[in-house]
Amino acid sequence: MKFRLIVFTLVIFSCFIISSVNAQKVFSVNYESQADVKVFVVNYESQADLCVYKLKYESQAGDNNGKWYFVDYESQAHKKIYFVNYESQADLKIYFVDYESQAGWKNRAKYYVME
């Protein structure tokens, strides 16, 4: 009986860990109507809600911390994004950074957009 309880606890704990490591995998859609989030890329870091670092490997992706991995297929994505032409159309303003350590939220009020 004790063994079953331990196994059950480990299974539940493993499921919790796996579900909490929900990588920021994004897919760029072609049409605004397909998107979960409309994104505008700003010219300066100070204008951004989120600084984004594009990852090379899916396994490196973070959990809503600005580390994005662009997937090849829509079905693999956590969020579908559409790049808009004007800042006023955007749900989220991003700035692409050169280093992983620079990634992160500048405006925490927009955090919910990528949850």
C-alpha atoms as a PDB file:
ATOM      1  CA  MET A   1       0.000   0.000   0.000  1.00  0.00           C
ATOM      2  CA  LYS A   2       2.828   2.387   0.854  1.00  0.00           C
ATOM      3  CA  PHE A   3       4.512   1.580  -2.454  1.00  0.00           C
ATOM      4  CA  ARG A   4       1.366   2.462  -4.423  1.00  0.00           C
ATOM      5  CA  LEU A   5       1.070   5.773  -2.595  1.00  0.00           C
ATOM      6  CA  ILE A   6       4.680   6.618  -3.419  1.00  0.00           C
ATOM      7  CA  VAL A   7       4.217   5.690  -7.087  1.00  0.00           C
ATOM      8  CA  PHE A   8       0.974   7.687  -7.276  1.00  0.00           C
ATOM      9  CA  THR A   9       2.677  10.706  -5.706  1.00  0.00           C
ATOM     10  CA  LEU A  10       5.576  10.475  -8.157  1.00  0.00           C
ATOM     11  CA  VAL A  11       3.225  10.250 -11.134  1.00  0.00           C
ATOM     12  CA  ILE A  12       1.237  13.294  -9.993  1.00  0.00           C
ATOM     13  CA  PHE A  13       4.424  15.235  -9.273  1.00  0.00           C
ATOM     14  CA  SER A  14       5.827  14.332 -12.724  1.00  0.00           C
ATOM     15  CA  CYS A  15       2.642  15.494 -14.433  1.00  0.00           C
ATOM     16  CA  PHE A  16       2.812  18.765 -12.532  1.00  0.00           C
ATOM     17  CA  ILE A  17       6.432  19.337 -13.546  1.00  0.00           C
ATOM     18  CA  ILE A  18       5.748  18.536 -17.194  1.00  0.00           C
ATOM     19  CA  SER A  19       2.709  20.812 -17.371  1.00  0.00           C
ATOM     20  CA  SER A  20       4.497  23.692 -15.639  1.00  0.00           C
ATOM     21  CA  VAL A  21       7.324  23.596 -18.176  1.00  0.00           C
ATOM     22  CA  ASN A  22       5.122  24.894 -20.921  1.00  0.00           C
ATOM     23  CA  ALA A  23       7.601  26.271 -23.406  1.00  0.00           C
ATOM     24  CA  GLN A  24       6.952  29.488 -25.270  1.00  0.00           C
ATOM     25  CA  LYS A  25       6.659  27.877 -28.647  1.00  0.00           C
ATOM     26  CA  VAL A  26       5.229  30.297 -31.170  1.00  0.00           C
ATOM     27  CA  PHE A  27       4.022  30.062 -34.730  1.00  0.00           C
ATOM     28  CA  SER A  28       3.727  33.041 -37.030  1.00  0.00           C
ATOM     29  CA  VAL A  29       0.423  32.916 -38.910  1.00  0.00           C
ATOM     30  CA  ASN A  30      -0.350  34.588 -42.234  1.00  0.00           C
ATOM     31  CA  TYR A  31      -3.664  36.153 -41.298  1.00  0.00           C
ATOM     32  CA  GLU A  32      -4.663  38.304 -38.332  1.00  0.00           C
ATOM     33  CA  SER A  33      -7.845  36.276 -37.797  1.00  0.00           C
ATOM     34  CA  GLN A  34      -5.771  33.130 -37.112  1.00  0.00           C
ATOM     35  CA  ALA A  35      -3.716  34.720 -34.339  1.00  0.00           C
ATOM     36  CA  ASP A  36      -3.962  34.425 -30.581  1.00  0.00           C
ATOM     37  CA  VAL A  37      -1.763  37.499 -30.184  1.00  0.00           C
ATOM     38  CA  LYS A  38      -1.071  40.452 -32.473  1.00  0.00           C
ATOM     39  CA  VAL A  39       2.556  41.557 -32.188  1.00  0.00           C
ATOM     40  CA  PHE A  40       4.388  44.705 -33.225  1.00  0.00           C
ATOM     41  CA  VAL A  41       8.182  44.834 -33.349  1.00  0.00           C
ATOM     42  CA  VAL A  42       9.480  48.133 -31.960  1.00  0.00           C
ATOM     43  CA  ASN A  43      12.772  49.811 -32.846  1.00  0.00           C
ATOM     44  CA  TYR A  44      14.006  50.362 -29.311  1.00  0.00           C
ATOM     45  CA  GLU A  45      14.086  48.188 -26.211  1.00  0.00           C
ATOM     46  CA  SER A  46      12.589  50.979 -24.103  1.00  0.00           C
ATOM     47  CA  GLN A  47       9.388  50.873 -26.194  1.00  0.00           C
ATOM     48  CA  ALA A  48       8.814  47.141 -25.708  1.00  0.00           C
ATOM     49  CA  ASP A  49       6.460  45.255 -23.425  1.00  0.00           C
ATOM     50  CA  LEU A  50       8.602  42.153 -23.871  1.00  0.00           C
ATOM     51  CA  CYS A  51      12.194  41.605 -24.963  1.00  0.00           C
ATOM     52  CA  VAL A  52      12.348  38.416 -27.014  1.00  0.00           C
ATOM     53  CA  TYR A  53      15.286  36.147 -27.676  1.00  0.00           C
ATOM     54  CA  LYS A  54      14.866  33.676 -30.553  1.00  0.00           C
ATOM     55  CA  LEU A  55      16.092  30.246 -29.522  1.00  0.00           C
ATOM     56  CA  LYS A  56      17.816  27.748 -31.783  1.00  0.00           C
ATOM     57  CA  TYR A  57      16.524  24.671 -29.992  1.00  0.00           C
ATOM     58  CA  GLU A  58      13.038  23.842 -28.748  1.00  0.00           C
ATOM     59  CA  SER A  59      14.401  22.329 -25.544  1.00  0.00           C
ATOM     60  CA  GLN A  60      15.749  25.742 -24.483  1.00  0.00           C
ATOM     61  CA  ALA A  61      12.382  27.508 -24.581  1.00  0.00           C
ATOM     62  CA  GLY A  62      11.261  29.307 -21.461  1.00  0.00           C
ATOM     63  CA  ASP A  63       7.963  29.642 -19.669  1.00  0.00           C
ATOM     64  CA  ASN A  64       6.575  33.060 -20.641  1.00  0.00           C
ATOM     65  CA  ASN A  65       9.903  34.739 -20.078  1.00  0.00           C
ATOM     66  CA  GLY A  66      10.661  36.083 -23.534  1.00  0.00           C
ATOM     67  CA  LYS A  67      12.595  33.071 -24.791  1.00  0.00           C
ATOM     68  CA  TRP A  68      10.730  31.986 -27.890  1.00  0.00           C
ATOM     69  CA  TYR A  69      11.145  29.059 -30.193  1.00  0.00           C
ATOM     70  CA  PHE A  70       9.468  29.413 -33.583  1.00  0.00           C
ATOM     71  CA  VAL A  71       7.941  26.077 -34.530  1.00  0.00           C
ATOM     72  CA  ASP A  72       7.385  24.843 -38.072  1.00  0.00           C
ATOM     73  CA  TYR A  73       3.775  23.789 -37.619  1.00  0.00           C
ATOM     74  CA  GLU A  74       0.793  25.581 -36.106  1.00  0.00           C
ATOM     75  CA  SER A  75      -0.209  22.495 -34.105  1.00  0.00           C
ATOM     76  CA  GLN A  76       3.103  22.581 -32.203  1.00  0.00           C
ATOM     77  CA  ALA A  77       2.664  26.142 -30.988  1.00  0.00           C
ATOM     78  CA  HIS A  78       1.694  27.382 -27.567  1.00  0.00           C
ATOM     79  CA  LYS A  79       0.704  30.724 -29.114  1.00  0.00           C
ATOM     80  CA  LYS A  80      -0.047  31.766 -32.672  1.00  0.00           C
ATOM     81  CA  ILE A  81       1.187  35.264 -33.409  1.00  0.00           C
ATOM     82  CA  TYR A  82       0.597  37.726 -36.202  1.00  0.00           C
ATOM     83  CA  PHE A  83       2.993  40.576 -36.899  1.00  0.00           C
ATOM     84  CA  VAL A  84       1.016  43.784 -37.447  1.00  0.00           C
ATOM     85  CA  ASN A  85       2.221  46.838 -39.342  1.00  0.00           C
ATOM     86  CA  TYR A  86       1.167  49.462 -36.818  1.00  0.00           C
ATOM     87  CA  GLU A  87       1.768  49.738 -33.086  1.00  0.00           C
ATOM     88  CA  SER A  88      -1.872  50.682 -32.461  1.00  0.00           C
ATOM     89  CA  GLN A  89      -3.025  47.300 -33.818  1.00  0.00           C
ATOM     90  CA  ALA A  90      -0.864  45.270 -31.433  1.00  0.00           C
ATOM     91  CA  ASP A  91      -1.728  43.362 -28.295  1.00  0.00           C
ATOM     92  CA  LEU A  92       1.972  43.148 -27.483  1.00  0.00           C
ATOM     93  CA  LYS A  93       5.033  45.209 -28.421  1.00  0.00           C
ATOM     94  CA  ILE A  94       8.256  43.222 -28.635  1.00  0.00           C
ATOM     95  CA  TYR A  95      11.912  43.910 -29.214  1.00  0.00           C
ATOM     96  CA  PHE A  96      14.258  41.191 -30.440  1.00  0.00           C
ATOM     97  CA  VAL A  97      17.442  41.034 -28.360  1.00  0.00           C
ATOM     98  CA  ASP A  98      20.832  39.559 -29.235  1.00  0.00           C
ATOM     99  CA  TYR A  99      21.513  37.750 -25.978  1.00  0.00           C
ATOM    100  CA  GLU A 100      19.409  35.282 -23.999  1.00  0.00           C
ATOM    101  CA  SER A 101      20.117  37.119 -20.744  1.00  0.00           C
ATOM    102  CA  GLN A 102      18.365  40.236 -22.110  1.00  0.00           C
ATOM    103  CA  ALA A 103      15.034  38.451 -22.618  1.00  0.00           C
ATOM    104  CA  GLY A 104      12.172  39.281 -20.285  1.00  0.00           C
ATOM    105  CA  TRP A 105       9.188  41.420 -19.483  1.00  0.00           C
ATOM    106  CA  LYS A 106       9.425  45.210 -19.410  1.00  0.00           C
ATOM    107  CA  ASN A 107       5.684  45.710 -18.894  1.00  0.00           C
ATOM    108  CA  ARG A 108       4.351  43.011 -16.543  1.00  0.00           C
ATOM    109  CA  ALA A 109       0.785  44.258 -17.122  1.00  0.00           C
ATOM    110  CA  LYS A 110       0.926  42.523 -20.527  1.00  0.00           C
ATOM    111  CA  TYR A 111       2.126  39.196 -19.054  1.00  0.00           C
ATOM    112  CA  TYR A 112      -1.341  37.669 -19.425  1.00  0.00           C
ATOM    113  CA  VAL A 113      -1.204  38.059 -23.222  1.00  0.00           C
ATOM    114  CA  MET A 114       1.291  35.210 -23.565  1.00  0.00           C
ATOM    115  CA  GLU A 115      -0.090  32.902 -20.840  1.00  0.00           C
END
